[in-house]
């Protein structure tokens, strides 16, 4: 697939709305992409998109996992004058929220049906000096969608429990750099799609590839647990988008990863100590294929790799991540060359895993 086509797919994934528990729009895009590339694909009761691409042999079964959900909010209360109160879904920094545009996804409608609003921010002219130094709690924020009554809000299909998130369009900043929302973890989803595309084109892989586009990672890695149980892998890779700290104010020893240095291999995090044989294989493949790689600074964060590794009798698991600046904020930034290197490495792993 051409670089332009990959960008187009990433843009569709980034701009789709898939707050944890409400991933259907993003999942449907992925389902359409992978359907011609796999032997079987289905949605499980929790909402995971599972797939199998058969190899020349039934074993080993290599699991590739990426989560479809993004951090966001749900409507918690509708004010009589049409304002909306929020409850956060996933980890937000409340300092960055006031004044941002949001996109609301009324349930039971087509993906094209979206309602836009603004997280209200009191202008500095109307606040005290002390108020301007105080971070506003998410429970105290509100969304203004430009209507003046509760009835008008409900007429738009919005009710308590309707999902919404910060809206940021996908933008190409340079030939190799793009920005947008939900790169964590639509980028991991793109990596799996492109690996499946390569495998379908070559048609010569020995291993059977099983896939989970998982739900609800941001609220407790829930979909990874059930998906791994169903797919019964012999080995697994969780594909992620991880924090890059190569910006002013962050010393090198506290920077998890750096843009432009290729995929980041996890040694350990809060939920997983990467299986030594999986980590060794990733290192060897990177060196043999001349793929740049780096290590993610331990031990922060957690991924789907944790619950996958503990599924059934246990699964040797590794985590491969694309470095990304500003994740878990309103907008993220990454390099396309890092995505390509990650695709190369994961594809190599599916071809060469022999343990």
Protein backbone atom coordinates (compact mmCIF):
# COMPACT_ATOMS: atom_id res chain seq x y z
CA UNK A 1 0.00 0.00 0.00
CA UNK A 2 1.31 3.46 -0.84
CA UNK A 3 2.38 5.96 1.79
CA UNK A 4 -0.50 8.19 0.67
CA UNK A 5 -3.01 5.38 1.18
CA UNK A 6 -1.61 4.67 4.64
CA UNK A 7 -1.99 8.34 5.56
CA UNK A 8 -5.58 8.27 4.34
CA UNK A 9 -6.31 5.21 6.49
CA UNK A 10 -4.64 6.81 9.52
CA UNK A 11 -6.69 9.97 8.98
CA UNK A 12 -9.95 7.99 8.87
CA UNK A 13 -9.00 6.15 12.03
CA UNK A 14 -7.84 9.28 13.83
CA UNK A 15 -10.93 11.31 13.01
CA UNK A 16 -13.39 8.54 13.86
CA UNK A 17 -14.94 8.65 17.32
CA UNK A 18 -14.37 5.65 19.56
CA UNK A 19 -14.45 6.56 23.24
CA UNK A 20 -13.99 3.52 25.50
CA UNK A 21 -17.18 1.47 25.42
CA UNK A 22 -18.35 3.19 22.22
CA UNK A 23 -15.81 1.96 19.67
CA UNK A 24 -18.22 0.87 16.91
CA UNK A 25 -17.41 3.64 14.39
CA UNK A 26 -13.65 3.02 14.54
CA UNK A 27 -14.18 -0.74 14.60
CA UNK A 28 -16.34 -0.63 11.46
CA UNK A 29 -13.59 1.19 9.53
CA UNK A 30 -11.05 -1.45 10.60
CA UNK A 31 -13.43 -4.32 9.80
CA UNK A 32 -13.84 -3.06 6.25
CA UNK A 33 -10.05 -2.76 5.84
CA UNK A 34 -9.20 -6.26 7.08
CA UNK A 35 -12.11 -8.29 5.71
CA UNK A 36 -10.36 -9.20 2.43
CA UNK A 37 -7.08 -9.87 4.27
CA UNK A 38 -8.20 -12.57 6.74
CA UNK A 39 -9.96 -15.92 6.69
CA UNK A 40 -12.40 -14.99 9.42
CA UNK A 41 -13.39 -11.83 11.30
CA UNK A 42 -16.11 -11.32 13.90
CA UNK A 43 -17.17 -9.05 16.74
CA UNK A 44 -17.31 -10.72 20.14
CA UNK A 45 -19.93 -9.99 22.86
CA UNK A 46 -17.72 -7.31 24.47
CA UNK A 47 -17.14 -5.47 21.18
CA UNK A 48 -13.64 -6.67 20.24
CA UNK A 49 -13.01 -7.19 16.53
CA UNK A 50 -11.30 -10.60 16.33
CA UNK A 51 -9.76 -12.11 13.21
CA UNK A 52 -7.76 -15.11 12.04
CA UNK A 53 -5.41 -15.37 9.08
CA UNK A 54 -4.43 -19.00 8.63
CA UNK A 55 -0.81 -19.91 8.00
CA UNK A 56 0.68 -23.03 6.50
CA UNK A 57 0.47 -24.48 10.00
CA UNK A 58 -2.01 -24.11 12.85
CA UNK A 59 0.88 -23.45 15.26
CA UNK A 60 2.32 -21.17 16.38
CA UNK A 61 -0.62 -18.83 16.82
CA UNK A 62 0.77 -15.31 16.93
CA UNK A 63 -1.53 -12.70 18.46
CA UNK A 64 -1.33 -9.08 17.32
CA UNK A 65 -3.33 -6.77 19.61
CA UNK A 66 -4.12 -3.05 19.37
CA UNK A 67 -6.89 -1.18 21.12
CA UNK A 68 -9.56 0.74 19.23
CA UNK A 69 -10.73 2.99 22.05
CA UNK A 70 -9.65 6.54 22.84
CA UNK A 71 -9.98 8.65 25.95
CA UNK A 72 -13.00 10.92 26.06
CA UNK A 73 -16.11 11.73 28.08
CA UNK A 74 -19.75 10.90 28.48
CA UNK A 75 -22.55 13.33 29.21
CA UNK A 76 -23.38 13.13 32.91
CA UNK A 77 -26.07 15.84 33.18
CA UNK A 78 -28.10 18.11 30.91
CA UNK A 79 -28.77 21.60 32.27
CA UNK A 80 -32.19 23.15 31.77
CA UNK A 81 -30.53 25.87 29.64
CA UNK A 82 -28.87 23.32 27.33
CA UNK A 83 -25.38 23.04 28.84
CA UNK A 84 -23.81 19.59 29.32
CA UNK A 85 -21.82 18.29 32.27
CA UNK A 86 -19.11 15.67 31.75
CA UNK A 87 -17.65 12.53 33.26
CA UNK A 88 -14.19 11.57 32.01
CA UNK A 89 -13.52 8.22 30.34
CA UNK A 90 -9.79 7.52 30.60
CA UNK A 91 -6.94 9.67 31.84
CA UNK A 92 -7.21 13.39 31.04
CA UNK A 93 -5.13 16.30 32.29
CA UNK A 94 -7.86 18.79 33.29
CA UNK A 95 -5.47 21.75 32.83
CA UNK A 96 -5.74 21.52 29.04
CA UNK A 97 -9.51 21.15 28.60
CA UNK A 98 -11.19 24.59 28.90
CA UNK A 99 -11.74 26.31 25.57
CA UNK A 100 -11.41 23.20 23.40
CA UNK A 101 -13.91 22.18 20.75
CA UNK A 102 -15.58 18.81 21.33
CA UNK A 103 -17.41 16.42 19.01
CA UNK A 104 -20.43 14.54 20.33
CA UNK A 105 -21.61 11.22 18.88
CA UNK A 106 -25.37 10.70 19.34
CA UNK A 107 -26.02 7.00 19.82
CA UNK A 108 -28.08 5.05 17.31
CA UNK A 109 -27.25 7.35 14.40
CA UNK A 110 -24.93 7.12 11.38
CA UNK A 111 -21.23 7.94 11.90
CA UNK A 112 -21.72 11.11 9.87
CA UNK A 113 -24.08 12.47 12.54
CA UNK A 114 -21.95 14.59 14.84
CA UNK A 115 -22.69 17.51 17.12
CA UNK A 116 -19.99 20.05 17.91
CA UNK A 117 -19.59 22.12 21.03
CA UNK A 118 -17.09 24.03 23.14
CA UNK A 119 -15.89 23.36 26.67
CA UNK A 120 -16.80 26.61 28.34
CA UNK A 121 -14.08 28.81 29.79
CA UNK A 122 -14.80 31.96 31.77
CA UNK A 123 -12.88 34.86 30.18
CA UNK A 124 -10.07 36.32 32.31
CA UNK A 125 -11.95 39.62 32.51
CA UNK A 126 -14.55 37.90 34.71
CA UNK A 127 -12.25 35.94 37.03
CA UNK A 128 -10.12 36.81 40.02
CA UNK A 129 -6.36 36.35 40.10
CA UNK A 130 -6.82 33.32 42.39
CA UNK A 131 -9.34 31.73 40.02
CA UNK A 132 -6.94 32.12 37.10
CA UNK A 133 -4.33 30.11 39.02
CA UNK A 134 -6.73 27.26 39.82
CA UNK A 135 -7.16 24.15 37.67
CA UNK A 136 -10.85 23.58 37.02
CA UNK A 137 -11.97 20.05 37.92
CA UNK A 138 -13.59 18.07 35.11
CA UNK A 139 -16.78 17.80 37.17
CA UNK A 140 -16.99 21.60 37.12
CA UNK A 141 -16.57 21.95 33.35
CA UNK A 142 -19.48 22.26 30.96
CA UNK A 143 -20.04 22.01 27.21
CA UNK A 144 -21.90 24.67 25.25
CA UNK A 145 -23.51 23.32 22.05
CA UNK A 146 -25.27 26.56 21.18
CA UNK A 147 -28.82 25.68 22.24
CA UNK A 148 -30.85 27.11 25.08
CA UNK A 149 -32.93 24.28 26.52
CA UNK A 150 -32.80 20.67 27.69
CA UNK A 151 -35.46 19.81 25.11
CA UNK A 152 -33.28 21.15 22.28
CA UNK A 153 -30.37 19.01 23.49
CA UNK A 154 -32.50 15.85 23.55
CA UNK A 155 -33.89 16.65 20.11
CA UNK A 156 -30.32 16.35 18.81
CA UNK A 157 -30.11 12.78 20.13
CA UNK A 158 -27.99 13.67 23.16
CA UNK A 159 -28.79 12.17 26.54
CA UNK A 160 -27.00 11.15 29.72
CA UNK A 161 -24.37 8.60 28.64
CA UNK A 162 -23.75 10.02 25.15
CA UNK A 163 -20.01 9.89 24.30
CA UNK A 164 -17.92 12.84 23.22
CA UNK A 165 -14.28 13.75 22.91
CA UNK A 166 -11.97 16.61 21.98
CA UNK A 167 -12.07 17.35 18.27
CA UNK A 168 -8.83 17.79 16.36
CA UNK A 169 -8.56 17.24 12.59
CA UNK A 170 -5.73 15.19 11.11
CA UNK A 171 -3.04 17.53 9.75
CA UNK A 172 0.15 16.85 7.79
CA UNK A 173 2.81 19.11 9.31
CA UNK A 174 5.62 17.94 7.02
CA UNK A 175 6.41 15.02 4.71
CA UNK A 176 7.16 12.84 7.75
CA UNK A 177 5.18 14.43 10.58
CA UNK A 178 1.43 14.42 11.24
CA UNK A 179 -0.79 15.54 14.09
CA UNK A 180 -4.25 14.47 15.17
CA UNK A 181 -6.32 12.89 17.91
CA UNK A 182 -6.55 9.27 19.08
CA UNK A 183 -3.16 8.18 17.72
CA UNK A 184 -3.18 6.14 20.96
CA UNK A 185 -3.99 3.60 19.68
CA UNK A 186 -5.34 3.96 16.16
CA UNK A 187 -1.68 3.89 15.11
CA UNK A 188 -1.35 0.38 16.54
CA UNK A 189 -4.49 -0.57 14.60
CA UNK A 190 -2.92 0.78 11.40
CA UNK A 191 0.24 -1.26 12.03
CA UNK A 192 -1.80 -4.48 12.25
CA UNK A 193 -3.83 -3.62 9.14
CA UNK A 194 -0.64 -3.07 7.13
CA UNK A 195 1.01 -6.24 8.44
CA UNK A 196 -2.08 -8.23 7.40
CA UNK A 197 -1.91 -6.55 3.99
CA UNK A 198 1.69 -7.67 3.52
CA UNK A 199 0.90 -11.21 4.64
CA UNK A 200 -2.08 -11.41 2.27
CA UNK A 201 0.06 -10.23 -0.63
CA UNK A 202 2.89 -12.72 0.01
CA UNK A 203 0.71 -15.71 1.02
CA UNK A 204 3.69 -17.65 2.35
CA UNK A 205 3.67 -17.31 6.14
CA UNK A 206 4.01 -20.40 8.28
CA UNK A 207 2.38 -19.19 11.49
CA UNK A 208 -1.33 -18.58 11.99
CA UNK A 209 -1.98 -14.93 12.82
CA UNK A 210 -4.76 -14.11 15.26
CA UNK A 211 -5.79 -10.52 15.83
CA UNK A 212 -7.64 -8.52 18.45
CA UNK A 213 -8.68 -4.94 17.84
CA UNK A 214 -9.56 -4.55 21.48
CA UNK A 215 -12.08 -2.38 23.31
CA UNK A 216 -11.76 -0.57 26.63
CA UNK A 217 -7.98 -0.49 27.06
CA UNK A 218 -8.10 3.02 28.47
CA UNK A 219 -10.40 1.97 31.31
CA UNK A 220 -8.67 -1.23 32.38
CA UNK A 221 -7.45 -3.34 29.41
CA UNK A 222 -10.75 -5.20 29.44
CA UNK A 223 -11.03 -6.27 25.81
CA UNK A 224 -7.50 -7.68 25.70
CA UNK A 225 -8.31 -10.09 28.48
CA UNK A 226 -11.36 -11.62 26.84
CA UNK A 227 -9.90 -11.50 23.32
CA UNK A 228 -6.73 -13.38 24.28
CA UNK A 229 -8.81 -16.01 26.07
CA UNK A 230 -10.85 -16.61 22.92
CA UNK A 231 -7.93 -16.64 20.44
CA UNK A 232 -5.60 -18.89 22.49
CA UNK A 233 -2.27 -17.51 21.23
CA UNK A 234 1.13 -19.13 21.70
CA UNK A 235 2.90 -15.76 21.66
CA UNK A 236 1.68 -12.16 21.50
CA UNK A 237 2.65 -8.62 20.61
CA UNK A 238 0.69 -5.64 21.89
CA UNK A 239 1.00 -2.77 19.40
CA UNK A 240 0.84 0.62 21.04
CA UNK A 241 1.45 4.34 20.73
CA UNK A 242 3.67 5.50 23.58
CA UNK A 243 4.88 8.76 25.10
CA UNK A 244 7.83 10.55 23.55
CA UNK A 245 9.63 12.99 25.81
CA UNK A 246 12.06 14.59 23.37
CA UNK A 247 10.93 18.14 23.97
CA UNK A 248 12.13 21.12 26.03
CA UNK A 249 12.00 20.69 29.80
CA UNK A 250 12.30 16.90 29.93
CA UNK A 251 15.77 15.48 30.69
CA UNK A 252 16.93 12.52 28.59
CA UNK A 253 16.84 10.08 31.48
CA UNK A 254 13.14 10.84 31.99
CA UNK A 255 12.15 10.68 28.33
CA UNK A 256 10.37 7.37 27.61
CA UNK A 257 11.09 7.45 23.85
CA UNK A 258 12.30 9.73 21.06
CA UNK A 259 10.68 10.50 17.71
CA UNK A 260 12.55 9.31 14.64
CA UNK A 261 14.43 6.44 16.29
CA UNK A 262 12.02 3.69 15.30
CA UNK A 263 9.72 1.43 17.30
CA UNK A 264 10.11 1.30 21.07
CA UNK A 265 10.50 -2.09 22.72
CA UNK A 266 9.11 -2.44 26.24
CA UNK A 267 11.38 -4.13 28.75
CA UNK A 268 8.99 -3.72 31.68
CA UNK A 269 6.04 -1.58 32.72
CA UNK A 270 3.48 -1.59 35.54
CA UNK A 271 1.60 -4.57 34.12
CA UNK A 272 4.20 -6.62 32.27
CA UNK A 273 7.79 -7.76 32.25
CA UNK A 274 8.36 -8.52 28.59
CA UNK A 275 9.12 -12.18 27.98
CA UNK A 276 12.89 -12.45 27.43
CA UNK A 277 12.57 -14.70 24.37
CA UNK A 278 10.08 -12.33 22.72
CA UNK A 279 12.28 -9.31 23.45
CA UNK A 280 15.35 -11.15 22.18
CA UNK A 281 13.54 -12.09 18.96
CA UNK A 282 12.47 -8.48 18.37
CA UNK A 283 16.05 -7.30 18.88
CA UNK A 284 17.48 -9.93 16.54
CA UNK A 285 14.92 -9.22 13.82
CA UNK A 286 15.55 -5.47 14.06
CA UNK A 287 19.27 -5.99 13.64
CA UNK A 288 18.99 -8.53 10.82
CA UNK A 289 16.53 -6.38 8.84
CA UNK A 290 18.37 -3.13 9.68
CA UNK A 291 15.31 -1.64 11.36
CA UNK A 292 16.06 1.17 13.84
CA UNK A 293 14.67 0.52 17.32
CA UNK A 294 14.87 1.88 20.85
CA UNK A 295 13.91 0.81 24.34
CA UNK A 296 11.05 2.43 26.20
CA UNK A 297 12.26 3.73 29.53
CA UNK A 298 10.75 1.48 32.24
CA UNK A 299 8.53 1.29 34.33
CA UNK A 300 5.68 3.67 33.62
CA UNK A 301 2.27 2.94 32.17
CA UNK A 302 0.58 -0.29 31.23
CA UNK A 303 -0.83 -1.87 28.07
CA UNK A 304 -2.93 -4.75 26.81
CA UNK A 305 0.25 -6.82 27.09
CA UNK A 306 -0.36 -7.32 30.82
CA UNK A 307 -3.67 -9.21 30.68
CA UNK A 308 -2.66 -11.01 27.49
CA UNK A 309 0.41 -12.46 29.22
CA UNK A 310 -1.80 -13.86 31.99
CA UNK A 311 -4.40 -15.45 29.73
CA UNK A 312 -5.15 -19.16 30.21
CA UNK A 313 -1.86 -20.93 30.99
CA UNK A 314 0.18 -17.79 30.23
CA UNK A 315 1.36 -16.24 26.96
CA UNK A 316 4.91 -15.02 26.17
CA UNK A 317 4.24 -11.37 25.37
CA UNK A 318 6.07 -8.30 24.13
CA UNK A 319 5.04 -4.71 23.47
CA UNK A 320 6.10 -2.71 20.40
CA UNK A 321 5.16 0.98 20.35
CA UNK A 322 5.28 3.94 18.00
CA UNK A 323 6.72 7.02 19.76
CA UNK A 324 4.25 9.89 19.93
CA UNK A 325 4.38 13.31 21.56
CA UNK A 326 1.55 14.66 23.71
CA UNK A 327 -0.58 11.50 24.06
CA UNK A 328 -3.54 11.68 26.46
CA UNK A 329 -3.98 15.31 25.49
CA UNK A 330 -6.13 17.12 22.95
CA UNK A 331 -3.69 16.48 20.09
CA UNK A 332 -0.71 14.23 19.34
CA UNK A 333 2.22 14.33 16.92
CA UNK A 334 4.34 11.56 15.41
CA UNK A 335 6.56 10.61 12.49
CA UNK A 336 5.35 8.38 9.70
CA UNK A 337 8.82 6.85 9.35
CA UNK A 338 8.44 5.41 12.88
CA UNK A 339 5.16 3.79 11.83
CA UNK A 340 6.82 2.25 8.76
CA UNK A 341 9.69 0.86 10.86
CA UNK A 342 7.16 -0.61 13.29
CA UNK A 343 5.26 -2.30 10.45
CA UNK A 344 8.57 -3.72 9.16
CA UNK A 345 9.46 -5.12 12.58
CA UNK A 346 6.07 -6.66 13.35
CA UNK A 347 5.87 -8.20 9.89
CA UNK A 348 9.35 -9.63 10.41
CA UNK A 349 8.25 -11.10 13.74
CA UNK A 350 5.30 -12.89 12.13
CA UNK A 351 7.71 -14.44 9.62
CA UNK A 352 10.57 -15.35 11.92
CA UNK A 353 9.16 -16.33 15.32
CA UNK A 354 10.41 -19.85 16.00
CA UNK A 355 10.53 -20.21 19.80
